Amino acid sequence: MGDAPDLNEREQQILHAVVHSYITTAEPVGSRTLVKRLSLDLSPATVRNVMADLEDQGYLQQVHTSSGRVPTDRGYRYYVNYLMRVQELTEAERRRIEVEYSGRMNDADEILRHTSRLLALVSHQAGVAEAPADGVAEVQRIELMPATEDRMAVLIVDNYGRVRSMMIEWRSDMEDEGILRLNRFLNDHLRGIRMDTLATTLTDKLHDFLDEQRRLAEQALRVLSLLPTTRSGQIFLDGATQLFEQPEFRDINRVREVFGLFEERDRLVELLRTATREGEMGRGSVMFGTEFKDRDLEEIGMVVSPYHVDGQPVGSIGVIGPRRMPYPRLTAIVDYTADMVGRLLSRLGA
């Protein structure tokens, strides 16, 4: 602890104790409580003076006059950056997570839907998982299947095993053999291409095609122009109602604010990505309170970790709960689970 800036060793010790006690009890922490609970070789008066100094420096605050103290966002940040030690998961905890993924799951969405449930279960908070966006997904196969005289089904399988089926308006006198040729053309030229660049890739190649190949390319572009816009990142969320169990969310207005966030999926994706950018490369990160720059979210905390496929980050998973969360344990859980998700998705794309 002594290497952290600004605070001396005693101040670090007291701040660590206050944060840990508040996370555990959700009650403001007094000097006598700390001395009794931690068996400190200090008098309550000495501890009280140190806590007053920490309050003057903005690390602690009093909720009410004569009450105990609670950490501020600055106090939490100091704790997370300098005082917190990420817990080592036990063998039983690691095994439990691995067993949860032992069943057969055939695509990324299924894996990540399961991940949000698992994180909610083991954290007793809300679990969230972001699926790989179209910007990192690649086409594995495309199938065109006439449905009626003027409608056609389009199936696209990506490298994460996900199947997207769409119906498009398609008025054409193309025979079955023509559909087969168009299918072959699409798969020959678009397999391995990113989902969000299909049309531009084909357009760039258009001048290279002659005669029948050019006609097929023009038909393929027509099909692609009728497909829905690409997905930016799908979110799976589980366990949100568990937040009602936390004392911070007994206020209905706070609950409404947090559930408003859960309804705005694009906003939630952006929060996940912001937290990931703020964290260390390849490791989980913690954000809370005023760091979200949104007054509606000042009572929440978030632990987020990216998952990697072939060494590249393609999405994030995490836990959302009150600002007062057991960050050492949750960081270990989220990091380990993210590693598992990355390994599973790498196998899918192999």
Protein backbone atom coordinates (compact mmCIF):
# COMPACT_ATOMS: atom_id res chain seq x y z
CA MET A 1 0.00 0.00 0.00
CA GLY A 2 2.86 2.39 0.75
CA ASP A 3 3.71 3.02 -2.92
CA ALA A 4 0.40 4.74 -3.71
CA PRO A 5 0.58 8.55 -4.07
CA ASP A 6 -0.91 11.32 -1.89
CA LEU A 7 -1.84 9.31 1.20
CA ASN A 8 0.49 8.03 3.90
CA GLU A 9 0.39 4.43 5.05
CA ARG A 10 -2.00 5.08 7.94
CA GLU A 11 -4.41 7.02 5.73
CA GLN A 12 -4.32 4.23 3.16
CA GLN A 13 -5.03 1.67 5.88
CA ILE A 14 -8.04 3.60 7.19
CA LEU A 15 -9.42 4.36 3.71
CA HIS A 16 -9.12 0.69 2.74
CA ALA A 17 -10.91 -0.30 5.95
CA VAL A 18 -13.74 2.21 5.45
CA VAL A 19 -14.35 1.14 1.83
CA HIS A 20 -14.28 -2.54 2.72
CA SER A 21 -16.64 -2.06 5.68
CA TYR A 22 -19.08 0.05 3.68
CA ILE A 23 -19.11 -2.44 0.79
CA THR A 24 -19.91 -5.22 3.27
CA THR A 25 -22.55 -3.50 5.43
CA ALA A 26 -23.94 -0.59 3.37
CA GLU A 27 -23.80 1.40 6.63
CA PRO A 28 -21.77 4.58 7.31
CA VAL A 29 -18.57 3.66 9.12
CA GLY A 30 -17.56 5.12 12.48
CA SER A 31 -14.15 5.16 14.15
CA ARG A 32 -15.14 2.79 16.98
CA THR A 33 -16.52 0.32 14.44
CA LEU A 34 -13.21 0.27 12.57
CA VAL A 35 -11.10 -0.18 15.70
CA LYS A 36 -13.33 -3.01 16.95
CA ARG A 37 -13.71 -4.80 13.61
CA LEU A 38 -10.07 -4.61 12.54
CA SER A 39 -8.42 -4.83 15.96
CA LEU A 40 -6.38 -1.77 15.07
CA ASP A 41 -3.57 -0.77 17.40
CA LEU A 42 -4.97 2.77 17.33
CA SER A 43 -7.39 4.65 19.55
CA PRO A 44 -10.83 5.62 18.22
CA ALA A 45 -9.77 9.27 18.59
CA THR A 46 -6.74 8.72 16.32
CA VAL A 47 -8.85 6.89 13.74
CA ARG A 48 -11.45 9.66 13.91
CA ASN A 49 -8.77 12.28 13.22
CA VAL A 50 -7.45 10.32 10.22
CA MET A 51 -10.99 9.96 8.87
CA ALA A 52 -11.49 13.71 9.28
CA ASP A 53 -8.29 14.31 7.28
CA LEU A 54 -9.52 11.94 4.56
CA GLU A 55 -12.79 13.83 4.47
CA ASP A 56 -10.95 17.14 4.08
CA GLN A 57 -9.05 15.65 1.13
CA GLY A 58 -12.27 14.47 -0.55
CA TYR A 59 -11.89 10.70 -0.03
CA LEU A 60 -14.68 10.32 2.55
CA GLN A 61 -17.88 12.16 3.36
CA GLN A 62 -20.41 12.28 6.17
CA VAL A 63 -23.95 11.49 5.16
CA HIS A 64 -25.36 13.25 8.24
CA THR A 65 -23.79 15.29 11.01
CA SER A 66 -22.38 13.01 13.72
CA SER A 67 -22.86 9.94 11.50
CA GLY A 68 -20.12 7.67 10.27
CA ARG A 69 -18.43 8.23 6.94
CA VAL A 70 -18.78 6.68 3.49
CA PRO A 71 -16.39 6.72 0.52
CA THR A 72 -16.70 9.37 -2.17
CA ASP A 73 -16.07 8.59 -5.84
CA ARG A 74 -12.54 9.86 -5.29
CA GLY A 75 -12.18 7.44 -2.39
CA TYR A 76 -13.47 4.53 -4.45
CA ARG A 77 -11.12 5.42 -7.31
CA TYR A 78 -8.10 5.53 -5.00
CA TYR A 79 -9.16 2.20 -3.52
CA VAL A 80 -9.58 0.54 -6.94
CA ASN A 81 -6.36 1.97 -8.40
CA TYR A 82 -3.97 1.57 -5.46
CA LEU A 83 -5.40 -0.42 -2.55
CA MET A 84 -7.55 -3.15 -4.07
CA ARG A 85 -6.10 -6.57 -4.74
CA VAL A 86 -8.10 -8.64 -7.18
CA GLN A 87 -9.15 -11.84 -5.45
CA GLU A 88 -7.79 -15.13 -6.72
CA LEU A 89 -10.69 -17.36 -7.67
CA THR A 90 -10.72 -20.67 -5.88
CA GLU A 91 -10.44 -23.88 -7.84
CA ALA A 92 -14.12 -24.55 -7.06
CA GLU A 93 -15.14 -21.13 -8.42
CA ARG A 94 -13.16 -21.61 -11.62
CA ARG A 95 -14.57 -25.09 -12.03
CA ARG A 96 -18.11 -23.81 -11.56
CA ILE A 97 -17.68 -21.28 -14.37
CA GLU A 98 -16.12 -23.89 -16.66
CA VAL A 99 -18.95 -26.36 -15.99
CA GLU A 100 -21.48 -23.68 -16.95
CA TYR A 101 -19.90 -23.63 -20.43
CA SER A 102 -19.51 -27.39 -20.80
CA GLY A 103 -22.83 -27.82 -22.65
CA ARG A 104 -22.93 -27.51 -26.41
CA MET A 105 -23.54 -23.94 -27.58
CA ASN A 106 -23.53 -23.39 -31.30
CA ASP A 107 -23.29 -19.65 -31.80
CA ALA A 108 -22.00 -16.47 -30.22
CA ASP A 109 -25.42 -15.14 -29.24
CA GLU A 110 -26.19 -18.31 -27.32
CA ILE A 111 -22.84 -18.14 -25.52
CA LEU A 112 -23.27 -14.49 -24.59
CA ARG A 113 -26.90 -14.88 -23.54
CA HIS A 114 -25.70 -17.65 -21.22
CA THR A 115 -22.86 -15.41 -20.02
CA SER A 116 -25.18 -12.61 -18.90
CA ARG A 117 -27.21 -15.18 -16.92
CA LEU A 118 -24.09 -16.68 -15.35
CA LEU A 119 -22.70 -13.29 -14.30
CA ALA A 120 -26.03 -12.34 -12.72
CA LEU A 121 -26.13 -15.65 -10.87
CA VAL A 122 -22.64 -15.52 -9.38
CA SER A 123 -22.53 -11.76 -8.69
CA HIS A 124 -26.10 -11.19 -7.44
CA GLN A 125 -26.09 -8.06 -9.60
CA ALA A 126 -27.11 -7.45 -13.22
CA GLY A 127 -25.04 -9.39 -15.77
CA VAL A 128 -24.47 -7.85 -19.20
CA ALA A 129 -22.78 -9.17 -22.36
CA GLU A 130 -22.18 -7.47 -25.71
CA ALA A 131 -22.27 -9.68 -28.81
CA PRO A 132 -19.67 -9.14 -31.56
CA ALA A 133 -20.82 -6.34 -33.85
CA ASP A 134 -21.00 -6.68 -37.64
CA GLY A 135 -17.75 -4.72 -37.82
CA VAL A 136 -15.88 -7.78 -36.51
CA ALA A 137 -18.11 -10.57 -37.91
CA GLU A 138 -17.32 -12.21 -41.27
CA VAL A 139 -19.54 -14.06 -43.74
CA GLN A 140 -19.19 -17.82 -43.75
CA ARG A 141 -22.11 -18.66 -46.04
CA ILE A 142 -24.99 -16.97 -47.87
CA GLU A 143 -28.10 -18.79 -49.07
CA LEU A 144 -30.87 -17.38 -51.29
CA MET A 145 -34.19 -19.25 -51.30
CA PRO A 146 -37.27 -18.14 -53.29
CA ALA A 147 -40.32 -18.07 -51.00
CA THR A 148 -43.09 -16.71 -53.25
CA GLU A 149 -43.29 -15.12 -56.70
CA ASP A 150 -42.16 -11.78 -55.30
CA ARG A 151 -40.32 -12.61 -52.07
CA MET A 152 -37.03 -14.32 -51.31
CA ALA A 153 -35.42 -15.53 -48.08
CA VAL A 154 -31.79 -14.59 -47.47
CA LEU A 155 -29.78 -16.55 -44.86
CA ILE A 156 -26.35 -15.34 -43.78
CA VAL A 157 -24.12 -17.40 -41.48
CA ASP A 158 -21.21 -15.56 -39.85
CA ASN A 159 -17.97 -16.86 -38.37
CA TYR A 160 -19.51 -16.85 -34.88
CA GLY A 161 -22.13 -19.40 -35.92
CA ARG A 162 -24.97 -16.90 -35.98
CA VAL A 163 -27.66 -17.31 -38.64
CA ARG A 164 -29.58 -14.26 -39.82
CA SER A 165 -32.65 -14.83 -41.93
CA MET A 166 -34.41 -12.01 -43.77
CA MET A 167 -37.23 -11.76 -46.27
CA ILE A 168 -36.79 -9.31 -49.14
CA GLU A 169 -39.01 -8.17 -51.99
CA TRP A 170 -37.66 -9.84 -55.12
CA ARG A 171 -39.56 -9.72 -58.41
CA SER A 172 -37.54 -11.71 -60.94
CA ASP A 173 -38.04 -14.32 -63.64
CA MET A 174 -34.75 -15.95 -62.60
CA GLU A 175 -34.91 -19.75 -62.87
CA ASP A 176 -33.64 -22.09 -60.17
CA GLU A 177 -30.35 -22.49 -62.02
CA GLY A 178 -29.92 -18.70 -61.99
CA ILE A 179 -30.49 -18.60 -58.22
CA LEU A 180 -27.87 -21.33 -57.78
CA ARG A 181 -25.36 -19.36 -59.86
CA LEU A 182 -26.07 -16.23 -57.82
CA ASN A 183 -25.62 -18.23 -54.60
CA ARG A 184 -22.26 -19.54 -55.81
CA PHE A 185 -21.18 -16.05 -56.86
CA LEU A 186 -22.05 -14.56 -53.46
CA ASN A 187 -20.18 -17.28 -51.57
CA ASP A 188 -17.16 -17.22 -53.87
CA HIS A 189 -16.69 -13.46 -53.51
CA LEU A 190 -18.02 -12.61 -50.04
CA ARG A 191 -16.89 -15.49 -47.82
CA GLY A 192 -14.53 -14.08 -45.18
CA ILE A 193 -15.65 -10.48 -45.82
CA ARG A 194 -16.78 -8.35 -42.86
CA MET A 195 -20.55 -8.10 -42.52
CA ASP A 196 -20.53 -4.30 -42.58
CA THR A 197 -18.52 -4.06 -45.83
CA LEU A 198 -20.33 -6.52 -48.14
CA ALA A 199 -21.77 -3.98 -50.58
CA THR A 200 -18.68 -1.78 -50.70
CA THR A 201 -16.41 -4.81 -51.24
CA LEU A 202 -18.53 -5.99 -54.17
CA THR A 203 -18.80 -2.49 -55.63
CA ASP A 204 -15.00 -2.13 -55.54
CA LYS A 205 -14.67 -5.40 -57.47
CA LEU A 206 -17.35 -4.58 -60.04
CA HIS A 207 -15.00 -3.20 -62.70
CA ASP A 208 -13.06 -6.50 -62.64
CA PHE A 209 -16.08 -8.54 -63.76
CA LEU A 210 -17.08 -9.18 -67.36
CA ASP A 211 -20.25 -10.46 -69.06
CA GLU A 212 -22.12 -13.01 -66.91
CA GLN A 213 -19.96 -12.34 -63.85
CA ARG A 214 -20.81 -8.66 -64.08
CA ARG A 215 -24.53 -9.43 -64.35
CA LEU A 216 -24.26 -11.66 -61.30
CA ALA A 217 -22.41 -8.93 -59.42
CA GLU A 218 -25.16 -6.42 -60.24
CA GLN A 219 -27.83 -8.88 -59.07
CA ALA A 220 -25.85 -9.53 -55.89
CA LEU A 221 -25.61 -5.80 -55.19
CA ARG A 222 -29.36 -5.53 -55.67
CA VAL A 223 -29.87 -8.27 -53.05
CA LEU A 224 -27.45 -6.59 -50.63
CA SER A 225 -29.17 -3.22 -51.04
CA LEU A 226 -32.43 -4.76 -49.81
CA LEU A 227 -30.95 -6.19 -46.61
CA PRO A 228 -31.44 -4.39 -43.27
CA THR A 229 -28.65 -2.20 -41.96
CA THR A 230 -25.90 -3.94 -40.03
CA ARG A 231 -26.00 -4.37 -36.26
CA SER A 232 -23.74 -2.23 -34.07
CA GLY A 233 -23.72 -4.62 -31.12
CA GLN A 234 -26.45 -6.66 -29.50
CA ILE A 235 -26.75 -6.61 -25.70
CA PHE A 236 -27.86 -9.45 -23.42
CA LEU A 237 -28.93 -8.44 -19.92
CA ASP A 238 -29.96 -10.63 -17.00
CA GLY A 239 -30.62 -10.25 -13.28
CA ALA A 240 -31.71 -6.61 -13.36
CA THR A 241 -34.43 -7.25 -10.77
CA GLN A 242 -31.73 -8.31 -8.27
CA LEU A 243 -30.88 -4.62 -7.91
CA PHE A 244 -34.12 -4.23 -5.93
CA GLU A 245 -32.38 -6.20 -3.15
CA GLN A 246 -29.73 -3.49 -2.73
CA PRO A 247 -30.41 -0.70 -0.20
CA GLU A 248 -29.29 1.95 -2.72
CA PHE A 249 -32.21 1.08 -4.99
CA ARG A 250 -35.05 1.18 -2.49
CA ASP A 251 -35.73 4.68 -3.79
CA ILE A 252 -38.10 4.23 -6.73
CA ASN A 253 -36.61 7.22 -8.59
CA ARG A 254 -33.15 5.62 -8.56
CA VAL A 255 -34.60 2.35 -9.75
CA ARG A 256 -36.38 4.16 -12.58
CA GLU A 257 -33.12 5.82 -13.67
CA VAL A 258 -31.19 2.54 -13.76
CA PHE A 259 -33.95 0.67 -15.56
CA GLY A 260 -34.10 3.55 -18.04
CA LEU A 261 -30.46 2.78 -18.85
CA PHE A 262 -31.29 -0.90 -19.35
CA GLU A 263 -34.00 0.05 -21.84
CA GLU A 264 -31.60 2.20 -23.89
CA ARG A 265 -29.44 -0.54 -25.33
CA ASP A 266 -27.30 1.77 -27.50
CA ARG A 267 -26.47 3.83 -24.43
CA LEU A 268 -25.58 0.68 -22.52
CA VAL A 269 -23.28 -0.49 -25.33
CA GLU A 270 -21.51 2.87 -25.27
CA LEU A 271 -21.01 2.66 -21.48
CA LEU A 272 -19.48 -0.80 -21.85
CA ARG A 273 -17.13 0.41 -24.54
CA THR A 274 -16.17 3.51 -22.57
CA ALA A 275 -15.35 1.40 -19.51
CA THR A 276 -13.30 -0.97 -21.67
CA ARG A 277 -11.33 1.91 -23.23
CA GLU A 278 -10.59 3.34 -19.77
CA GLY A 279 -9.25 0.04 -18.45
CA GLU A 280 -5.86 -1.57 -18.81
CA MET A 281 -5.20 -3.46 -22.02
CA GLY A 282 -6.78 -6.91 -21.85
CA ARG A 283 -7.99 -6.54 -18.25
CA GLY A 284 -11.20 -5.66 -16.52
CA SER A 285 -11.97 -2.09 -15.57
CA VAL A 286 -14.18 -0.42 -12.99
CA MET A 287 -16.32 2.69 -13.41
CA PHE A 288 -18.77 4.24 -11.01
CA GLY A 289 -20.72 7.30 -9.96
CA THR A 290 -19.79 10.66 -11.41
CA GLU A 291 -17.28 9.02 -13.78
CA PHE A 292 -20.27 8.22 -16.02
CA LYS A 293 -20.82 11.98 -16.48
CA ASP A 294 -24.55 11.34 -16.17
CA ARG A 295 -26.37 12.33 -12.98
CA ASP A 296 -28.91 9.56 -13.51
CA LEU A 297 -26.15 6.97 -13.05
CA GLU A 298 -24.29 8.35 -10.04
CA GLU A 299 -25.38 5.51 -7.76
CA ILE A 300 -24.22 2.66 -9.99
CA GLY A 301 -20.94 0.84 -10.49
CA MET A 302 -19.75 -1.31 -13.39
CA VAL A 303 -17.06 -3.96 -13.75
CA VAL A 304 -16.30 -4.66 -17.42
CA SER A 305 -13.79 -6.85 -19.24
CA PRO A 306 -13.21 -7.30 -22.98
CA TYR A 307 -13.13 -10.75 -24.56
CA HIS A 308 -10.72 -11.52 -27.39
CA VAL A 309 -10.92 -13.66 -30.51
CA ASP A 310 -7.63 -14.37 -32.27
CA GLY A 311 -5.99 -11.76 -30.08
CA GLN A 312 -8.43 -8.99 -31.01
CA PRO A 313 -11.06 -7.49 -28.65
CA VAL A 314 -14.49 -8.02 -30.23
CA GLY A 315 -16.89 -7.31 -27.34
CA SER A 316 -17.26 -6.88 -23.58
CA ILE A 317 -19.00 -8.53 -20.65
CA GLY A 318 -19.62 -7.16 -17.20
CA VAL A 319 -21.61 -6.65 -14.04
CA ILE A 320 -23.72 -3.61 -13.13
CA GLY A 321 -24.84 -2.86 -9.59
CA PRO A 322 -24.64 -0.23 -6.87
CA ARG A 323 -21.52 1.88 -6.58
CA ARG A 324 -20.87 -0.11 -3.39
CA MET A 325 -19.87 -3.45 -4.92
CA PRO A 326 -17.24 -6.06 -3.92
CA TYR A 327 -14.88 -5.02 -6.71
CA PRO A 328 -11.98 -7.40 -5.87
CA ARG A 329 -14.19 -10.48 -6.25
CA LEU A 330 -16.25 -9.23 -9.19
CA THR A 331 -13.17 -8.17 -11.16
CA ALA A 332 -11.76 -11.68 -10.80
CA ILE A 333 -15.05 -13.28 -11.89
CA VAL A 334 -15.55 -10.98 -14.89
CA ASP A 335 -11.94 -11.34 -16.08
CA TYR A 336 -12.01 -15.13 -15.85
CA THR A 337 -15.38 -15.37 -17.58
CA ALA A 338 -14.23 -13.04 -20.37
CA ASP A 339 -11.26 -15.33 -20.97
CA MET A 340 -13.63 -18.32 -21.20
CA VAL A 341 -15.90 -16.50 -23.66
CA GLY A 342 -12.94 -15.57 -25.86
CA ARG A 343 -11.75 -19.18 -25.99
CA LEU A 344 -15.21 -20.49 -26.88
CA LEU A 345 -15.73 -17.94 -29.65
CA SER A 346 -12.26 -18.61 -31.05
CA ARG A 347 -13.19 -22.28 -31.39
CA LEU A 348 -16.44 -21.37 -33.16
CA GLY A 349 -14.57 -19.33 -35.76
CA ALA A 350 -11.82 -21.91 -36.26
